[in-house]
Amino acid sequence: MKTSRSQLFATLVLTSGALVFGMILAGGGQLTPAGFSAPGPQRVVVSDAAVAGLPSFADLADAVLPAVVTVRAVTISTTRQGGNPFEFFFGQRGPQRGEPQEYRGEGAGSGFVLTSDGWIVTNNHVVDGATRVEVLLEDRVVPAEVKGRDLATDLALLKIEAGEDLHYLALGDSSKLRVGDWVMAVGSPLFLQQSVTVGIVSALGRSGLNITDSSFENFIQTDAAINRGNSGGPLVNMQGEVVGINTAMNYGAENIGFSVPVNTLAAILDQLKTTGRVRRGYLGVTIANLDRDVAEAFGVASTDGALVQEVQAASPAQDAGLRNGDIIVTVDGRPVTDTRQLIDYVAAKPPGTKVELEFLRNGKAMDSTVTLEERPEGGELVIETPPGEESEVEWLGLQYQDLTPGLREMHGIPEGVTGVWITEVAATSPLIDEQVEPGNVIAEVNGEPVRNVAEFEERIAEVPSGQFVRLYVRRSTGGDSMQGFFAVVRVP
């Protein structure tokens, strides 16, 4: 019996020892099962082979950043001071209601140095209406002079005296861009200086966006992030050459930005430098591209050409005998395959130049000589109220204008907001008591939307004397937010 118990005890000892020994071996071989002790944190290592095919943009950024600047636009305007709610208790503290008071507004965009002696490119809407313009270099602020502006392409040229040679960027050739090419956008989005984003060329030749003059819209679309404040900064290729000037973004989307092709800048640069403005040749026609259905309807075999949809009254085209329905196929012997070729060729000619047009009318080839005139600012003539003649809405005491893309970009007004931009409210205006201020947008008149000055004045004129007019007004509350309120006044 003793022998049996001794053997059983020995067997248990051997079994326990073997179990412990096995666990030690398993742990040493990193085979410890879940629930037992786990290995400690380890450094993650990615092999060089795994990242060998990925690009780095660090060298490109190092080369480009010293030539990119922040452009600060300061606007000093005079507004009317509202009433102080504590005056009743404590008396007047500061300007009384109706007294003029200066207001300082500040906006910022981007730009890039074009030459070592201080010529700088930015967007026109960045400096439009500014009282003072400054350029922030890497370590200091330098006053800038606006030397040239072009509303049609939203480009502007500045000059600074930095006292030293500056880093500058070379202009590339935007006609060589292909969809899918890498590009880098550099600028100061939301006052964050020297920010870099990268992406690809998403599309070329974007138009119909109502960002600039529709005749010259030929944007590069990119998914390199462009935000408010990037305006005027460069879009560069992998060689560090400027291929575009970042101009706008789509507020309702992510990473859909638009840049003016650098070749557009190159075509007007000399005029901006020497005269401060751009004079363009002008035909006075509204034109469109042809598709197969249109070509067939007009009895032509090709979709090449520019279809004349409308001839402006008293224009060079009308004087030369062009009609709507004509299809322009050559200009000075050069084939016209689409509207872009005709617009670019004519716009590059100075006013007074004679050009030879060949066109098809009812399938018959014809030709005419056209003497170009100067293209009106923005592509349209501005009709002003003659001096001494009062506007129909003079009694409102407002100064106002159309809500332009530049105002949208500078003041962060969402695309969905339309109306008339208020620039000044007179001290005698009945809208003073309704808290209407400069920078507000009148979006509706008596429940009817208004999209421009003409519609606004037409709606106001429809309200009989003695009746109330109800204005729906939008004002910015910071960022992209707008707050609406009603202002109600009686028509005298």
Foldseek 3Di string as FASTA:
>chain_A
DVVVVVVVVVVVVVVVVVVVVVCVVCVVVQNDDPPDDHDDDDDDDDDCVVCVPPDDCVVLLVQQLQFKWKKKFKAKDKAFDADDPCCVPVNDDDDHGQDIDIDIDMFMAMWGAAFQQFKIKFFQLRHPNGPWMWIDGPDDIWTKDWQAHAQQLRMTIIGTGPVGGGRGAAADELVPFDFFAKKKQFWQAPNNHGDIFIWTFHDWQDAPPQQHQRLQRTKTWTLGFDHQRSGHTFIAGSVRHGQWGWHAAAPVDHRTTITHGVVVCVLCVVVCNPPRYAWFWDQQFDWFFADPVRCVVLPHDARFFIFTQQGDPPGQNVVFPDGHGKTWQDKQRHGGGTSSVVSVVRRSDHQQDKIKTWIADSNDIDITITGTHTQPRSNDDDDDDDPPDDAPVVQQQWDWWFCHSSNCSRVVEHPVAAAIFTQHHHSNGPCSVVVDIHRKGFQDKPNHGDHTDVRVSVSVNVDDAFAKIKTWIWHDPDHHDIDIDIDIDGHD
